[in-house]
């Protein structure tokens, strides 16, 4: 909500009844992981790492599939 919707930390804390420190900690963790660093806190288990890897691969495949569908539709129109 903070990153995507531009809400303030205090607004999110108020809306979701969370503590300021928890939200700031999550933001820090998110930023570290987004930058490719391990972040803070407990390291991910091998299963969690594999899930993240598979989720990223799944997202890439969905993106590739959407691109191929668009290209297929484009070339189908060109052949008519």
N, C-alpha and C. Protein backbone atom coordinates (compact mmCIF):
# COMPACT_ATOMS: atom_id res chain seq x y z
N UNK A 1 0.82 -1.19 0.00
CA UNK A 1 0.00 0.00 0.00
C UNK A 1 0.87 1.26 0.00
N UNK A 2 1.97 1.16 0.72
CA UNK A 2 2.86 2.32 0.80
C UNK A 2 3.58 2.51 -0.53
N UNK A 3 4.10 1.43 -1.08
CA UNK A 3 4.86 1.54 -2.33
C UNK A 3 3.95 1.69 -3.54
N UNK A 4 2.86 0.94 -3.58
CA UNK A 4 2.01 0.93 -4.77
C UNK A 4 0.98 2.06 -4.78
N UNK A 5 0.43 2.38 -3.61
CA UNK A 5 -0.62 3.38 -3.56
C UNK A 5 -0.14 4.73 -3.04
N UNK A 6 1.11 4.76 -2.57
CA UNK A 6 1.67 6.01 -2.09
C UNK A 6 1.15 6.48 -0.74
N UNK A 7 0.59 5.56 0.04
CA UNK A 7 0.10 5.93 1.36
C UNK A 7 1.27 6.11 2.32
N UNK A 8 1.05 6.87 3.35
CA UNK A 8 2.10 7.08 4.35
C UNK A 8 2.12 5.91 5.32
N UNK A 9 3.24 5.75 6.00
CA UNK A 9 3.37 4.68 6.99
C UNK A 9 2.32 4.87 8.08
N UNK A 10 2.16 6.10 8.54
CA UNK A 10 1.20 6.35 9.61
C UNK A 10 -0.23 6.03 9.18
N UNK A 11 -0.56 6.31 7.92
CA UNK A 11 -1.91 6.03 7.43
C UNK A 11 -2.15 4.53 7.36
N UNK A 12 -1.16 3.78 6.88
CA UNK A 12 -1.29 2.32 6.81
C UNK A 12 -1.40 1.74 8.21
N UNK A 13 -0.59 2.23 9.13
CA UNK A 13 -0.65 1.75 10.51
C UNK A 13 -2.03 1.98 11.11
N UNK A 14 -2.56 3.16 10.86
CA UNK A 14 -3.89 3.50 11.40
C UNK A 14 -4.96 2.63 10.76
N UNK A 15 -4.92 2.49 9.43
CA UNK A 15 -5.95 1.73 8.72
C UNK A 15 -5.95 0.25 9.09
N UNK A 16 -4.76 -0.31 9.26
CA UNK A 16 -4.64 -1.75 9.50
C UNK A 16 -4.36 -2.09 10.96
N UNK A 17 -4.37 -1.06 11.81
CA UNK A 17 -4.12 -1.24 13.24
C UNK A 17 -2.82 -1.99 13.50
N UNK A 18 -1.73 -1.47 12.92
CA UNK A 18 -0.40 -2.04 13.07
C UNK A 18 0.49 -1.04 13.78
N UNK A 19 1.59 -1.54 14.32
CA UNK A 19 2.55 -0.64 14.94
C UNK A 19 3.48 -0.06 13.88
N UNK A 20 3.92 1.14 14.14
CA UNK A 20 4.82 1.84 13.22
C UNK A 20 6.11 1.04 13.00
N UNK A 21 6.64 0.47 14.06
CA UNK A 21 7.91 -0.25 13.94
C UNK A 21 7.78 -1.50 13.08
N UNK A 22 6.65 -2.18 13.16
CA UNK A 22 6.44 -3.38 12.34
C UNK A 22 6.40 -3.03 10.86
N UNK A 23 5.67 -2.00 10.53
CA UNK A 23 5.54 -1.60 9.12
C UNK A 23 6.88 -1.12 8.58
N UNK A 24 7.60 -0.35 9.35
CA UNK A 24 8.92 0.13 8.90
C UNK A 24 9.89 -1.03 8.74
N UNK A 25 9.80 -2.01 9.61
CA UNK A 25 10.65 -3.20 9.49
C UNK A 25 10.32 -3.97 8.21
N UNK A 26 9.04 -4.11 7.92
CA UNK A 26 8.64 -4.81 6.70
C UNK A 26 9.09 -4.05 5.46
N UNK A 27 9.01 -2.74 5.50
CA UNK A 27 9.47 -1.93 4.37
C UNK A 27 10.97 -2.11 4.15
N UNK A 28 11.72 -2.13 5.24
CA UNK A 28 13.16 -2.31 5.13
C UNK A 28 13.47 -3.68 4.54
N UNK A 29 12.79 -4.71 5.03
CA UNK A 29 12.99 -6.08 4.53
C UNK A 29 12.64 -6.15 3.05
N UNK A 30 11.54 -5.55 2.66
CA UNK A 30 11.10 -5.55 1.26
C UNK A 30 12.14 -4.88 0.38
N UNK A 31 12.66 -3.75 0.84
CA UNK A 31 13.67 -3.03 0.06
C UNK A 31 14.94 -3.83 -0.11
N UNK A 32 15.37 -4.49 0.95
CA UNK A 32 16.58 -5.30 0.88
C UNK A 32 16.39 -6.47 -0.09
N UNK A 33 15.28 -7.15 0.01
CA UNK A 33 15.02 -8.29 -0.87
C UNK A 33 14.85 -7.85 -2.32
N UNK A 34 14.22 -6.71 -2.53
CA UNK A 34 14.03 -6.19 -3.89
C UNK A 34 15.37 -5.84 -4.52
N UNK A 35 16.34 -5.46 -3.70
CA UNK A 35 17.67 -5.11 -4.20
C UNK A 35 18.55 -6.34 -4.35
N UNK A 36 18.01 -7.52 -4.04
CA UNK A 36 18.78 -8.75 -4.20
C UNK A 36 19.64 -9.10 -3.01
N UNK A 37 19.48 -8.37 -1.91
CA UNK A 37 20.24 -8.67 -0.70
C UNK A 37 19.39 -9.54 0.22
N UNK A 38 20.02 -10.26 1.13
CA UNK A 38 19.26 -11.16 1.99
C UNK A 38 18.33 -10.46 2.97
N UNK A 39 18.56 -9.21 3.26
CA UNK A 39 17.68 -8.50 4.17
C UNK A 39 18.01 -8.78 5.62
N UNK A 40 17.05 -8.55 6.45
CA UNK A 40 17.24 -8.76 7.89
C UNK A 40 16.32 -9.88 8.34
N UNK A 41 16.55 -10.36 9.54
CA UNK A 41 15.68 -11.40 10.07
C UNK A 41 16.19 -12.78 9.70
N UNK A 42 15.33 -13.74 9.88
CA UNK A 42 15.69 -15.12 9.62
C UNK A 42 15.87 -15.36 8.12
N UNK A 43 16.88 -16.12 7.74
CA UNK A 43 17.04 -16.43 6.32
C UNK A 43 15.93 -17.38 5.86
N UNK A 44 15.67 -17.35 4.59
CA UNK A 44 14.63 -18.20 4.03
C UNK A 44 15.07 -19.66 4.06
N UNK A 45 14.11 -20.53 4.28
CA UNK A 45 14.40 -21.96 4.21
C UNK A 45 14.57 -22.34 2.75
N UNK A 46 15.19 -23.48 2.47
CA UNK A 46 15.32 -23.90 1.07
C UNK A 46 13.97 -24.00 0.36
N UNK A 47 12.96 -24.43 1.09
CA UNK A 47 11.63 -24.53 0.48
C UNK A 47 11.08 -23.16 0.12
N UNK A 48 11.28 -22.17 1.00
CA UNK A 48 10.83 -20.82 0.71
C UNK A 48 11.59 -20.22 -0.46
N UNK A 49 12.88 -20.49 -0.52
CA UNK A 49 13.68 -20.01 -1.65
C UNK A 49 13.18 -20.62 -2.94
N UNK A 50 12.88 -21.91 -2.92
CA UNK A 50 12.39 -22.60 -4.13
C UNK A 50 11.04 -22.04 -4.55
N UNK A 51 10.18 -21.77 -3.58
CA UNK A 51 8.87 -21.18 -3.90
C UNK A 51 9.04 -19.82 -4.57
N UNK A 52 9.92 -19.00 -4.03
CA UNK A 52 10.17 -17.68 -4.64
C UNK A 52 10.72 -17.82 -6.05
N UNK A 53 11.63 -18.76 -6.22
CA UNK A 53 12.20 -19.00 -7.55
C UNK A 53 11.11 -19.43 -8.52
N UNK A 54 10.26 -20.35 -8.10
CA UNK A 54 9.19 -20.84 -8.96
C UNK A 54 8.16 -19.75 -9.25
N UNK A 55 7.87 -18.91 -8.26
CA UNK A 55 6.94 -17.81 -8.49
C UNK A 55 7.50 -16.82 -9.51
N UNK A 56 8.78 -16.53 -9.42
CA UNK A 56 9.41 -15.62 -10.38
C UNK A 56 9.41 -16.24 -11.78
N UNK A 57 9.72 -17.53 -11.86
CA UNK A 57 9.70 -18.22 -13.14
C UNK A 57 8.30 -18.26 -13.72
N UNK A 58 7.31 -18.50 -12.88
CA UNK A 58 5.92 -18.53 -13.32
C UNK A 58 5.50 -17.17 -13.88
N UNK A 59 5.89 -16.10 -13.19
CA UNK A 59 5.57 -14.75 -13.67
C UNK A 59 6.23 -14.47 -15.02
N UNK A 60 7.47 -14.89 -15.18
CA UNK A 60 8.18 -14.70 -16.44
C UNK A 60 7.49 -15.47 -17.56
N UNK A 61 7.08 -16.69 -17.28
CA UNK A 61 6.41 -17.50 -18.30
C UNK A 61 5.06 -16.90 -18.68
N UNK A 62 4.34 -16.37 -17.71
CA UNK A 62 3.06 -15.71 -18.01
C UNK A 62 3.29 -14.50 -18.92
N UNK A 63 4.34 -13.75 -18.61
CA UNK A 63 4.67 -12.59 -19.43
C UNK A 63 5.05 -13.00 -20.85
N UNK A 64 5.87 -14.04 -20.96
CA UNK A 64 6.27 -14.55 -22.27
C UNK A 64 5.06 -15.05 -23.06
N UNK A 65 4.16 -15.73 -22.37
CA UNK A 65 2.97 -16.27 -23.02
C UNK A 65 2.08 -15.14 -23.55
N UNK A 66 1.93 -14.09 -22.76
CA UNK A 66 1.12 -12.94 -23.19
C UNK A 66 1.74 -12.29 -24.43
N UNK A 67 3.06 -12.17 -24.44
CA UNK A 67 3.75 -11.60 -25.59
C UNK A 67 3.54 -12.46 -26.84
N UNK A 68 3.65 -13.77 -26.68
CA UNK A 68 3.45 -14.67 -27.81
C UNK A 68 2.03 -14.62 -28.34
N UNK A 69 1.06 -14.47 -27.46
CA UNK A 69 -0.33 -14.34 -27.90
C UNK A 69 -0.52 -13.07 -28.72
N UNK A 70 0.09 -11.98 -28.26
CA UNK A 70 -0.01 -10.72 -29.00
C UNK A 70 0.67 -10.83 -30.37
N UNK A 71 1.83 -11.45 -30.40
CA UNK A 71 2.54 -11.61 -31.66
C UNK A 71 1.76 -12.50 -32.61
N UNK A 72 1.16 -13.55 -32.08
CA UNK A 72 0.36 -14.46 -32.91
C UNK A 72 -0.83 -13.73 -33.51
N UNK A 73 -1.50 -12.93 -32.71
CA UNK A 73 -2.65 -12.16 -33.21
C UNK A 73 -2.20 -11.16 -34.26
N UNK A 74 -1.06 -10.52 -34.05
CA UNK A 74 -0.54 -9.55 -35.01
C UNK A 74 -0.26 -10.21 -36.35
N UNK A 75 0.46 -11.35 -36.33
CA UNK A 75 0.81 -12.01 -37.58
C UNK A 75 -0.41 -12.62 -38.25
N UNK A 76 -1.40 -13.03 -37.48
CA UNK A 76 -2.64 -13.56 -38.07
C UNK A 76 -3.35 -12.46 -38.85
N UNK A 77 -3.35 -11.24 -38.33
CA UNK A 77 -3.97 -10.11 -39.05
C UNK A 77 -3.18 -9.76 -40.30
N UNK A 78 -1.87 -9.83 -40.24
CA UNK A 78 -1.02 -9.50 -41.37
C UNK A 78 -1.20 -10.48 -42.52
N UNK A 79 -1.51 -11.72 -42.23
CA UNK A 79 -1.64 -12.72 -43.27
C UNK A 79 -2.97 -12.65 -44.00
N UNK A 80 -3.94 -11.96 -43.42
CA UNK A 80 -5.26 -11.84 -44.06
C UNK A 80 -5.25 -10.88 -45.22
